[in-house]
Amino acid sequence: MTESNDGHTIHHHHEAIAKRLKRAEGHLRSVVQMIENGRDCVDIAQQLSAVEKAITQAKKTLIQDHLDHCLEDVVGSLSRKERKSIDEFKTITKYL
């Protein structure tokens, strides 16, 4: 982890998330072209679903990364018993 110019933490996965979002951005542009070219609605919907999944996965990765690092910095010094609820919270968020 490093710190950006504005004091925010840049996490381990941020670079991978940015790459994933850039691919989704290009994919979305091609979907717009499909619409403008009058492509079949089923094909368009399928491609939109793929873009949506890519963005959703990027969001999940960002949230998990934040929880795994920033939250851990705060609760790391707690005893195992005191951490139980936090650890369960981190686990259950993987299913969002």
PDB file of N, CA and C in Angstrom:
ATOM      1  N   MET A   1       0.850  -1.179   0.000  1.00  0.00           N
ATOM      2  CA  MET A   1       0.000   0.000   0.000  1.00  0.00           C
ATOM      3  C   MET A   1       0.892   1.238   0.000  1.00  0.00           C
ATOM      4  N   THR A   2       0.458   2.230  -0.762  1.00  0.00           N
ATOM      5  CA  THR A   2       1.144   3.513  -0.784  1.00  0.00           C
ATOM      6  C   THR A   2       0.100   4.602  -0.600  1.00  0.00           C
ATOM      7  N   GLU A   3       0.574   5.814  -0.486  1.00  0.00           N
ATOM      8  CA  GLU A   3      -0.344   6.926  -0.281  1.00  0.00           C
ATOM      9  C   GLU A   3      -0.311   7.842  -1.491  1.00  0.00           C
ATOM     10  N   SER A   4      -1.498   8.294  -1.907  1.00  0.00           N
ATOM     11  CA  SER A   4      -1.583   9.207  -3.048  1.00  0.00           C
ATOM     12  C   SER A   4      -1.278  10.624  -2.584  1.00  0.00           C
ATOM     13  N   ASN A   5      -1.234  11.537  -3.531  1.00  0.00           N
ATOM     14  CA  ASN A   5      -0.944  12.941  -3.204  1.00  0.00           C
ATOM     15  C   ASN A   5      -1.963  13.566  -2.276  1.00  0.00           C
ATOM     16  N   ASP A   6      -3.205  13.098  -2.317  1.00  0.00           N
ATOM     17  CA  ASP A   6      -4.244  13.683  -1.470  1.00  0.00           C
ATOM     18  C   ASP A   6      -4.417  12.942  -0.148  1.00  0.00           C
ATOM     19  N   GLY A   7      -3.505  12.024   0.167  1.00  0.00           N
ATOM     20  CA  GLY A   7      -3.530  11.347   1.450  1.00  0.00           C
ATOM     21  C   GLY A   7      -4.319  10.056   1.492  1.00  0.00           C
ATOM     22  N   HIS A   8      -4.958   9.674   0.391  1.00  0.00           N
ATOM     23  CA  HIS A   8      -5.705   8.415   0.357  1.00  0.00           C
ATOM     24  C   HIS A   8      -4.751   7.255   0.106  1.00  0.00           C
ATOM     25  N   THR A   9      -5.119   6.108   0.604  1.00  0.00           N
ATOM     26  CA  THR A   9      -4.294   4.923   0.454  1.00  0.00           C
ATOM     27  C   THR A   9      -4.543   4.267  -0.901  1.00  0.00           C
ATOM     28  N   ILE A  10      -3.461   3.929  -1.582  1.00  0.00           N
ATOM     29  CA  ILE A  10      -3.551   3.174  -2.826  1.00  0.00           C
ATOM     30  C   ILE A  10      -3.255   1.726  -2.456  1.00  0.00           C
ATOM     31  N   HIS A  11      -4.230   0.871  -2.664  1.00  0.00           N
ATOM     32  CA  HIS A  11      -4.131  -0.514  -2.251  1.00  0.00           C
ATOM     33  C   HIS A  11      -3.483  -1.387  -3.309  1.00  0.00           C
ATOM     34  N   HIS A  12      -3.142  -2.554  -2.898  1.00  0.00           N
ATOM     35  CA  HIS A  12      -2.503  -3.572  -3.728  1.00  0.00           C
ATOM     36  C   HIS A  12      -3.270  -3.811  -5.035  1.00  0.00           C
ATOM     37  N   HIS A  13      -4.595  -3.908  -4.968  1.00  0.00           N
ATOM     38  CA  HIS A  13      -5.388  -4.272  -6.144  1.00  0.00           C
ATOM     39  C   HIS A  13      -5.842  -3.086  -6.997  1.00  0.00           C
ATOM     40  N   HIS A  14      -5.530  -1.870  -6.621  1.00  0.00           N
ATOM     41  CA  HIS A  14      -6.023  -0.712  -7.369  1.00  0.00           C
ATOM     42  C   HIS A  14      -5.593  -0.741  -8.833  1.00  0.00           C
ATOM     43  N   GLU A  15      -4.369  -1.122  -9.096  1.00  0.00           N
ATOM     44  CA  GLU A  15      -3.903  -1.159 -10.490  1.00  0.00           C
ATOM     45  C   GLU A  15      -4.709  -2.180 -11.300  1.00  0.00           C
ATOM     46  N   ALA A  16      -4.949  -3.345 -10.726  1.00  0.00           N
ATOM     47  CA  ALA A  16      -5.735  -4.382 -11.418  1.00  0.00           C
ATOM     48  C   ALA A  16      -7.177  -3.929 -11.620  1.00  0.00           C
ATOM     49  N   ILE A  17      -7.722  -3.230 -10.644  1.00  0.00           N
ATOM     50  CA  ILE A  17      -9.092  -2.718 -10.758  1.00  0.00           C
ATOM     51  C   ILE A  17      -9.165  -1.688 -11.885  1.00  0.00           C
ATOM     52  N   ALA A  18      -8.189  -0.804 -11.949  1.00  0.00           N
ATOM     53  CA  ALA A  18      -8.162   0.207 -13.013  1.00  0.00           C
ATOM     54  C   ALA A  18      -8.092  -0.459 -14.385  1.00  0.00           C
ATOM     55  N   LYS A  19      -7.266  -1.503 -14.524  1.00  0.00           N
ATOM     56  CA  LYS A  19      -7.172  -2.220 -15.800  1.00  0.00           C
ATOM     57  C   LYS A  19      -8.508  -2.849 -16.163  1.00  0.00           C
ATOM     58  N   ARG A  20      -9.165  -3.462 -15.184  1.00  0.00           N
ATOM     59  CA  ARG A  20     -10.459  -4.107 -15.427  1.00  0.00           C
ATOM     60  C   ARG A  20     -11.485  -3.079 -15.875  1.00  0.00           C
ATOM     61  N   LEU A  21     -11.491  -1.921 -15.236  1.00  0.00           N
ATOM     62  CA  LEU A  21     -12.456  -0.873 -15.594  1.00  0.00           C
ATOM     63  C   LEU A  21     -12.157  -0.277 -16.968  1.00  0.00           C
ATOM     64  N   LYS A  22     -10.888  -0.168 -17.325  1.00  0.00           N
ATOM     65  CA  LYS A  22     -10.543   0.321 -18.659  1.00  0.00           C
ATOM     66  C   LYS A  22     -11.011  -0.654 -19.739  1.00  0.00           C
ATOM     67  N   ARG A  23     -10.883  -1.966 -19.462  1.00  0.00           N
ATOM     68  CA  ARG A  23     -11.399  -2.958 -20.410  1.00  0.00           C
ATOM     69  C   ARG A  23     -12.910  -2.846 -20.514  1.00  0.00           C
ATOM     70  N   ALA A  24     -13.578  -2.665 -19.375  1.00  0.00           N
ATOM     71  CA  ALA A  24     -15.038  -2.522 -19.382  1.00  0.00           C
ATOM     72  C   ALA A  24     -15.442  -1.267 -20.140  1.00  0.00           C
ATOM     73  N   GLU A  25     -14.655  -0.210 -19.992  1.00  0.00           N
ATOM     74  CA  GLU A  25     -14.937   1.036 -20.710  1.00  0.00           C
ATOM     75  C   GLU A  25     -14.879   0.815 -22.221  1.00  0.00           C
ATOM     76  N   GLY A  26     -13.848   0.111 -22.683  1.00  0.00           N
ATOM     77  CA  GLY A  26     -13.734  -0.196 -24.109  1.00  0.00           C
ATOM     78  C   GLY A  26     -14.859  -1.103 -24.580  1.00  0.00           C
ATOM     79  N   HIS A  27     -15.202  -2.051 -23.737  1.00  0.00           N
ATOM     80  CA  HIS A  27     -16.294  -2.966 -24.063  1.00  0.00           C
ATOM     81  C   HIS A  27     -17.608  -2.192 -24.165  1.00  0.00           C
ATOM     82  N   LEU A  28     -17.828  -1.264 -23.261  1.00  0.00           N
ATOM     83  CA  LEU A  28     -19.050  -0.451 -23.284  1.00  0.00           C
ATOM     84  C   LEU A  28     -19.111   0.395 -24.561  1.00  0.00           C
ATOM     85  N   ARG A  29     -17.973   0.936 -24.977  1.00  0.00           N
ATOM     86  CA  ARG A  29     -17.954   1.703 -26.227  1.00  0.00           C
ATOM     87  C   ARG A  29     -18.375   0.821 -27.405  1.00  0.00           C
ATOM     88  N   SER A  30     -17.928  -0.434 -27.396  1.00  0.00           N
ATOM     89  CA  SER A  30     -18.309  -1.319 -28.497  1.00  0.00           C
ATOM     90  C   SER A  30     -19.801  -1.666 -28.434  1.00  0.00           C
ATOM     91  N   VAL A  31     -20.374  -1.710 -27.234  1.00  0.00           N
ATOM     92  CA  VAL A  31     -21.810  -1.943 -27.103  1.00  0.00           C
ATOM     93  C   VAL A  31     -22.587  -0.759 -27.678  1.00  0.00           C
ATOM     94  N   VAL A  32     -22.105   0.442 -27.410  1.00  0.00           N
ATOM     95  CA  VAL A  32     -22.753   1.639 -27.975  1.00  0.00           C
ATOM     96  C   VAL A  32     -22.724   1.552 -29.495  1.00  0.00           C
ATOM     97  N   GLN A  33     -21.609   1.131 -30.057  1.00  0.00           N
ATOM     98  CA  GLN A  33     -21.511   0.971 -31.512  1.00  0.00           C
ATOM     99  C   GLN A  33     -22.499  -0.073 -32.010  1.00  0.00           C
ATOM    100  N   MET A  34     -22.639  -1.146 -31.245  1.00  0.00           N
ATOM    101  CA  MET A  34     -23.609  -2.182 -31.626  1.00  0.00           C
ATOM    102  C   MET A  34     -25.014  -1.588 -31.708  1.00  0.00           C
ATOM    103  N   ILE A  35     -25.359  -0.760 -30.749  1.00  0.00           N
ATOM    104  CA  ILE A  35     -26.685  -0.124 -30.737  1.00  0.00           C
ATOM    105  C   ILE A  35     -26.825   0.802 -31.940  1.00  0.00           C
ATOM    106  N   GLU A  36     -25.803   1.619 -32.165  1.00  0.00           N
ATOM    107  CA  GLU A  36     -25.842   2.569 -33.279  1.00  0.00           C
ATOM    108  C   GLU A  36     -25.901   1.855 -34.632  1.00  0.00           C
ATOM    109  N   ASN A  37     -25.339   0.661 -34.690  1.00  0.00           N
ATOM    110  CA  ASN A  37     -25.335  -0.115 -35.941  1.00  0.00           C
ATOM    111  C   ASN A  37     -26.565  -1.001 -36.087  1.00  0.00           C
ATOM    112  N   GLY A  38     -27.470  -0.938 -35.117  1.00  0.00           N
ATOM    113  CA  GLY A  38     -28.711  -1.685 -35.212  1.00  0.00           C
ATOM    114  C   GLY A  38     -28.575  -3.187 -34.993  1.00  0.00           C
ATOM    115  N   ARG A  39     -27.580  -3.578 -34.202  1.00  0.00           N
ATOM    116  CA  ARG A  39     -27.391  -5.007 -33.930  1.00  0.00           C
ATOM    117  C   ARG A  39     -28.571  -5.576 -33.155  1.00  0.00           C
ATOM    118  N   ASP A  40     -28.677  -6.870 -33.163  1.00  0.00           N
ATOM    119  CA  ASP A  40     -29.751  -7.591 -32.502  1.00  0.00           C
ATOM    120  C   ASP A  40     -29.765  -7.305 -30.998  1.00  0.00           C
ATOM    121  N   CYS A  41     -30.959  -7.102 -30.448  1.00  0.00           N
ATOM    122  CA  CYS A  41     -31.106  -6.751 -29.028  1.00  0.00           C
ATOM    123  C   CYS A  41     -30.567  -7.834 -28.094  1.00  0.00           C
ATOM    124  N   VAL A  42     -30.711  -9.085 -28.475  1.00  0.00           N
ATOM    125  CA  VAL A  42     -30.196 -10.169 -27.635  1.00  0.00           C
ATOM    126  C   VAL A  42     -28.672 -10.084 -27.527  1.00  0.00           C
ATOM    127  N   ASP A  43     -28.010  -9.821 -28.642  1.00  0.00           N
ATOM    128  CA  ASP A  43     -26.552  -9.668 -28.634  1.00  0.00           C
ATOM    129  C   ASP A  43     -26.134  -8.485 -27.770  1.00  0.00           C
ATOM    130  N   ILE A  44     -26.855  -7.384 -27.899  1.00  0.00           N
ATOM    131  CA  ILE A  44     -26.550  -6.181 -27.119  1.00  0.00           C
ATOM    132  C   ILE A  44     -26.733  -6.460 -25.631  1.00  0.00           C
ATOM    133  N   ALA A  45     -27.838  -7.088 -25.286  1.00  0.00           N
ATOM    134  CA  ALA A  45     -28.111  -7.398 -23.877  1.00  0.00           C
ATOM    135  C   ALA A  45     -27.028  -8.306 -23.296  1.00  0.00           C
ATOM    136  N   GLN A  46     -26.588  -9.263 -24.077  1.00  0.00           N
ATOM    137  CA  GLN A  46     -25.534 -10.176 -23.628  1.00  0.00           C
ATOM    138  C   GLN A  46     -24.246  -9.398 -23.344  1.00  0.00           C
ATOM    139  N   GLN A  47     -23.899  -8.494 -24.219  1.00  0.00           N
ATOM    140  CA  GLN A  47     -22.680  -7.710 -24.044  1.00  0.00           C
ATOM    141  C   GLN A  47     -22.811  -6.723 -22.871  1.00  0.00           C
ATOM    142  N   LEU A  48     -23.987  -6.141 -22.717  1.00  0.00           N
ATOM    143  CA  LEU A  48     -24.221  -5.248 -21.569  1.00  0.00           C
ATOM    144  C   LEU A  48     -24.093  -6.015 -20.257  1.00  0.00           C
ATOM    145  N   SER A  49     -24.556  -7.238 -20.244  1.00  0.00           N
ATOM    146  CA  SER A  49     -24.425  -8.079 -19.058  1.00  0.00           C
ATOM    147  C   SER A  49     -22.957  -8.314 -18.728  1.00  0.00           C
ATOM    148  N   ALA A  50     -22.146  -8.543 -19.738  1.00  0.00           N
ATOM    149  CA  ALA A  50     -20.712  -8.749 -19.525  1.00  0.00           C
ATOM    150  C   ALA A  50     -20.053  -7.494 -18.945  1.00  0.00           C
ATOM    151  N   VAL A  51     -20.431  -6.323 -19.457  1.00  0.00           N
ATOM    152  CA  VAL A  51     -19.890  -5.064 -18.939  1.00  0.00           C
ATOM    153  C   VAL A  51     -20.312  -4.878 -17.482  1.00  0.00           C
ATOM    154  N   GLU A  52     -21.573  -5.144 -17.217  1.00  0.00           N
ATOM    155  CA  GLU A  52     -22.098  -5.010 -15.859  1.00  0.00           C
ATOM    156  C   GLU A  52     -21.354  -5.924 -14.885  1.00  0.00           C
ATOM    157  N   LYS A  53     -21.108  -7.151 -15.284  1.00  0.00           N
ATOM    158  CA  LYS A  53     -20.391  -8.098 -14.427  1.00  0.00           C
ATOM    159  C   LYS A  53     -18.962  -7.625 -14.165  1.00  0.00           C
ATOM    160  N   ALA A  54     -18.316  -7.078 -15.172  1.00  0.00           N
ATOM    161  CA  ALA A  54     -16.944  -6.588 -15.001  1.00  0.00           C
ATOM    162  C   ALA A  54     -16.903  -5.437 -14.000  1.00  0.00           C
ATOM    163  N   ILE A  55     -17.855  -4.536 -14.097  1.00  0.00           N
ATOM    164  CA  ILE A  55     -17.905  -3.401 -13.175  1.00  0.00           C
ATOM    165  C   ILE A  55     -18.241  -3.880 -11.761  1.00  0.00           C
ATOM    166  N   THR A  56     -19.182  -4.795 -11.647  1.00  0.00           N
ATOM    167  CA  THR A  56     -19.551  -5.340 -10.344  1.00  0.00           C
ATOM    168  C   THR A  56     -18.356  -6.034  -9.694  1.00  0.00           C
ATOM    169  N   GLN A  57     -17.605  -6.793 -10.463  1.00  0.00           N
ATOM    170  CA  GLN A  57     -16.434  -7.484  -9.913  1.00  0.00           C
ATOM    171  C   GLN A  57     -15.368  -6.480  -9.483  1.00  0.00           C
ATOM    172  N   ALA A  58     -15.191  -5.415 -10.239  1.00  0.00           N
ATOM    173  CA  ALA A  58     -14.235  -4.378  -9.857  1.00  0.00           C
ATOM    174  C   ALA A  58     -14.659  -3.742  -8.525  1.00  0.00           C
ATOM    175  N   LYS A  59     -15.938  -3.487  -8.377  1.00  0.00           N
ATOM    176  CA  LYS A  59     -16.447  -2.903  -7.128  1.00  0.00           C
ATOM    177  C   LYS A  59     -16.217  -3.847  -5.957  1.00  0.00           C
ATOM    178  N   LYS A  60     -16.531  -5.121  -6.136  1.00  0.00           N
ATOM    179  CA  LYS A  60     -16.325  -6.104  -5.071  1.00  0.00           C
ATOM    180  C   LYS A  60     -14.859  -6.179  -4.666  1.00  0.00           C
ATOM    181  N   THR A  61     -13.982  -6.199  -5.643  1.00  0.00           N
ATOM    182  CA  THR A  61     -12.551  -6.265  -5.360  1.00  0.00           C
ATOM    183  C   THR A  61     -12.098  -5.037  -4.587  1.00  0.00           C
ATOM    184  N   LEU A  62     -12.572  -3.868  -4.986  1.00  0.00           N
ATOM    185  CA  LEU A  62     -12.220  -2.631  -4.291  1.00  0.00           C
ATOM    186  C   LEU A  62     -12.680  -2.665  -2.840  1.00  0.00           C
ATOM    187  N   ILE A  63     -13.921  -3.082  -2.610  1.00  0.00           N
ATOM    188  CA  ILE A  63     -14.468  -3.123  -1.248  1.00  0.00           C
ATOM    189  C   ILE A  63     -13.718  -4.150  -0.407  1.00  0.00           C
ATOM    190  N   GLN A  64     -13.489  -5.341  -0.951  1.00  0.00           N
ATOM    191  CA  GLN A  64     -12.763  -6.371  -0.199  1.00  0.00           C
ATOM    192  C   GLN A  64     -11.353  -5.911   0.138  1.00  0.00           C
ATOM    193  N   ASP A  65     -10.693  -5.283  -0.821  1.00  0.00           N
ATOM    194  CA  ASP A  65      -9.342  -4.784  -0.593  1.00  0.00           C
ATOM    195  C   ASP A  65      -9.347  -3.758   0.537  1.00  0.00           C
ATOM    196  N   HIS A  66     -10.328  -2.884   0.517  1.00  0.00           N
ATOM    197  CA  HIS A  66     -10.433  -1.870   1.566  1.00  0.00           C
ATOM    198  C   HIS A  66     -10.652  -2.531   2.921  1.00  0.00           C
ATOM    199  N   LEU A  67     -11.578  -3.463   2.979  1.00  0.00           N
ATOM    200  CA  LEU A  67     -11.847  -4.149   4.243  1.00  0.00           C
ATOM    201  C   LEU A  67     -10.622  -4.917   4.736  1.00  0.00           C
ATOM    202  N   ASP A  68      -9.959  -5.601   3.824  1.00  0.00           N
ATOM    203  CA  ASP A  68      -8.814  -6.413   4.214  1.00  0.00           C
ATOM    204  C   ASP A  68      -7.642  -5.581   4.710  1.00  0.00           C
ATOM    205  N   HIS A  69      -7.512  -4.354   4.244  1.00  0.00           N
ATOM    206  CA  HIS A  69      -6.360  -3.551   4.635  1.00  0.00           C
ATOM    207  C   HIS A  69      -6.703  -2.431   5.614  1.00  0.00           C
ATOM    208  N   CYS A  70      -7.633  -1.586   5.273  1.00  0.00           N
ATOM    209  CA  CYS A  70      -7.944  -0.439   6.128  1.00  0.00           C
ATOM    210  C   CYS A  70      -8.621  -0.861   7.428  1.00  0.00           C
ATOM    211  N   LEU A  71      -9.589  -1.735   7.326  1.00  0.00           N
ATOM    212  CA  LEU A  71     -10.266  -2.202   8.527  1.00  0.00           C
ATOM    213  C   LEU A  71      -9.299  -2.996   9.393  1.00  0.00           C
ATOM    214  N   GLU A  72      -8.454  -3.763   8.764  1.00  0.00           N
ATOM    215  CA  GLU A  72      -7.469  -4.558   9.509  1.00  0.00           C
ATOM    216  C   GLU A  72      -6.524  -3.665  10.296  1.00  0.00           C
ATOM    217  N   ASP A  73      -6.167  -2.523   9.744  1.00  0.00           N
ATOM    218  CA  ASP A  73      -5.304  -1.582  10.471  1.00  0.00           C
ATOM    219  C   ASP A  73      -5.947  -1.119  11.765  1.00  0.00           C
ATOM    220  N   VAL A  74      -7.255  -0.981  11.763  1.00  0.00           N
ATOM    221  CA  VAL A  74      -7.984  -0.494  12.933  1.00  0.00           C
ATOM    222  C   VAL A  74      -8.187  -1.591  13.970  1.00  0.00           C
ATOM    223  N   VAL A  75      -8.534  -2.792  13.530  1.00  0.00           N
ATOM    224  CA  VAL A  75      -8.891  -3.854  14.473  1.00  0.00           C
ATOM    225  C   VAL A  75      -7.756  -4.836  14.738  1.00  0.00           C
ATOM    226  N   GLY A  76      -6.648  -4.667  14.067  1.00  0.00           N
ATOM    227  CA  GLY A  76      -5.556  -5.622  14.190  1.00  0.00           C
ATOM    228  C   GLY A  76      -5.082  -5.867  15.605  1.00  0.00           C
ATOM    229  N   SER A  77      -5.178  -4.885  16.458  1.00  0.00           N
ATOM    230  CA  SER A  77      -4.664  -5.034  17.824  1.00  0.00           C
ATOM    231  C   SER A  77      -5.680  -5.639  18.791  1.00  0.00           C
ATOM    232  N   LEU A  78      -6.896  -5.903  18.330  1.00  0.00           N
ATOM    233  CA  LEU A  78      -7.907  -6.493  19.207  1.00  0.00           C
ATOM    234  C   LEU A  78      -7.613  -7.968  19.451  1.00  0.00           C
ATOM    235  N   SER A  79      -8.116  -8.463  20.556  1.00  0.00           N
ATOM    236  CA  SER A  79      -7.961  -9.895  20.841  1.00  0.00           C
ATOM    237  C   SER A  79      -8.804 -10.697  19.858  1.00  0.00           C
ATOM    238  N   ARG A  80      -8.521 -11.981  19.774  1.00  0.00           N
ATOM    239  CA  ARG A  80      -9.248 -12.868  18.869  1.00  0.00           C
ATOM    240  C   ARG A  80     -10.748 -12.829  19.163  1.00  0.00           C
ATOM    241  N   LYS A  81     -11.113 -12.836  20.414  1.00  0.00           N
ATOM    242  CA  LYS A  81     -12.523 -12.807  20.812  1.00  0.00           C
ATOM    243  C   LYS A  81     -13.173 -11.485  20.401  1.00  0.00           C
ATOM    244  N   GLU A  82     -12.459 -10.379  20.587  1.00  0.00           N
ATOM    245  CA  GLU A  82     -12.993  -9.064  20.238  1.00  0.00           C
ATOM    246  C   GLU A  82     -13.120  -8.885  18.724  1.00  0.00           C
ATOM    247  N   ARG A  83     -12.306  -9.575  17.964  1.00  0.00           N
ATOM    248  CA  ARG A  83     -12.304  -9.463  16.499  1.00  0.00           C
ATOM    249  C   ARG A  83     -13.376 -10.306  15.829  1.00  0.00           C
ATOM    250  N   LYS A  84     -13.989 -11.223  16.546  1.00  0.00           N
ATOM    251  CA  LYS A  84     -14.897 -12.203  15.949  1.00  0.00           C
ATOM    252  C   LYS A  84     -15.956 -11.555  15.050  1.00  0.00           C
ATOM    253  N   SER A  85     -16.636 -10.548  15.542  1.00  0.00           N
ATOM    254  CA  SER A  85     -17.682  -9.895  14.748  1.00  0.00           C
ATOM    255  C   SER A  85     -17.113  -9.226  13.500  1.00  0.00           C
ATOM    256  N   ILE A  86     -15.963  -8.599  13.630  1.00  0.00           N
ATOM    257  CA  ILE A  86     -15.331  -7.939  12.486  1.00  0.00           C
ATOM    258  C   ILE A  86     -14.921  -8.985  11.447  1.00  0.00           C
ATOM    259  N   ASP A  87     -14.332 -10.074  11.909  1.00  0.00           N
ATOM    260  CA  ASP A  87     -13.924 -11.135  10.976  1.00  0.00           C
ATOM    261  C   ASP A  87     -15.137 -11.733  10.256  1.00  0.00           C
ATOM    262  N   GLU A  88     -16.233 -11.919  10.970  1.00  0.00           N
ATOM    263  CA  GLU A  88     -17.455 -12.431  10.345  1.00  0.00           C
ATOM    264  C   GLU A  88     -17.996 -11.428   9.331  1.00  0.00           C
ATOM    265  N   PHE A  89     -17.936 -10.145   9.667  1.00  0.00           N
ATOM    266  CA  PHE A  89     -18.380  -9.108   8.741  1.00  0.00           C
ATOM    267  C   PHE A  89     -17.554  -9.160   7.457  1.00  0.00           C
ATOM    268  N   LYS A  90     -16.247  -9.246   7.587  1.00  0.00           N
ATOM    269  CA  LYS A  90     -15.377  -9.312   6.411  1.00  0.00           C
ATOM    270  C   LYS A  90     -15.699 -10.540   5.557  1.00  0.00           C
ATOM    271  N   THR A  91     -15.989 -11.650   6.209  1.00  0.00           N
ATOM    272  CA  THR A  91     -16.322 -12.875   5.479  1.00  0.00           C
ATOM    273  C   THR A  91     -17.651 -12.739   4.748  1.00  0.00           C
ATOM    274  N   ILE A  92     -18.659 -12.234   5.430  1.00  0.00           N
ATOM    275  CA  ILE A  92     -19.998 -12.177   4.816  1.00  0.00           C
ATOM    276  C   ILE A  92     -20.055 -11.178   3.659  1.00  0.00           C
ATOM    277  N   THR A  93     -19.223 -10.152   3.673  1.00  0.00           N
ATOM    278  CA  THR A  93     -19.253  -9.182   2.569  1.00  0.00           C
ATOM    279  C   THR A  93     -18.796  -9.804   1.254  1.00  0.00           C
ATOM    280  N   LYS A  94     -18.131 -10.923   1.298  1.00  0.00           N
ATOM    281  CA  LYS A  94     -17.711 -11.597   0.065  1.00  0.00           C
ATOM    282  C   LYS A  94     -18.902 -12.138  -0.716  1.00  0.00           C
ATOM    283  N   TYR A  95     -20.057 -12.228  -0.050  1.00  0.00           N
ATOM    284  CA  TYR A  95     -21.245 -12.755  -0.699  1.00  0.00           C
ATOM    285  C   TYR A  95     -22.172 -11.664  -1.231  1.00  0.00           C
ATOM    286  N   LEU A  96     -21.758 -10.414  -1.140  1.00  0.00           N
ATOM    287  CA  LEU A  96     -22.577  -9.311  -1.665  1.00  0.00           C
ATOM    288  C   LEU A  96     -22.542  -9.303  -3.183  1.00  0.00           C
TER     289      LEU A  96
END
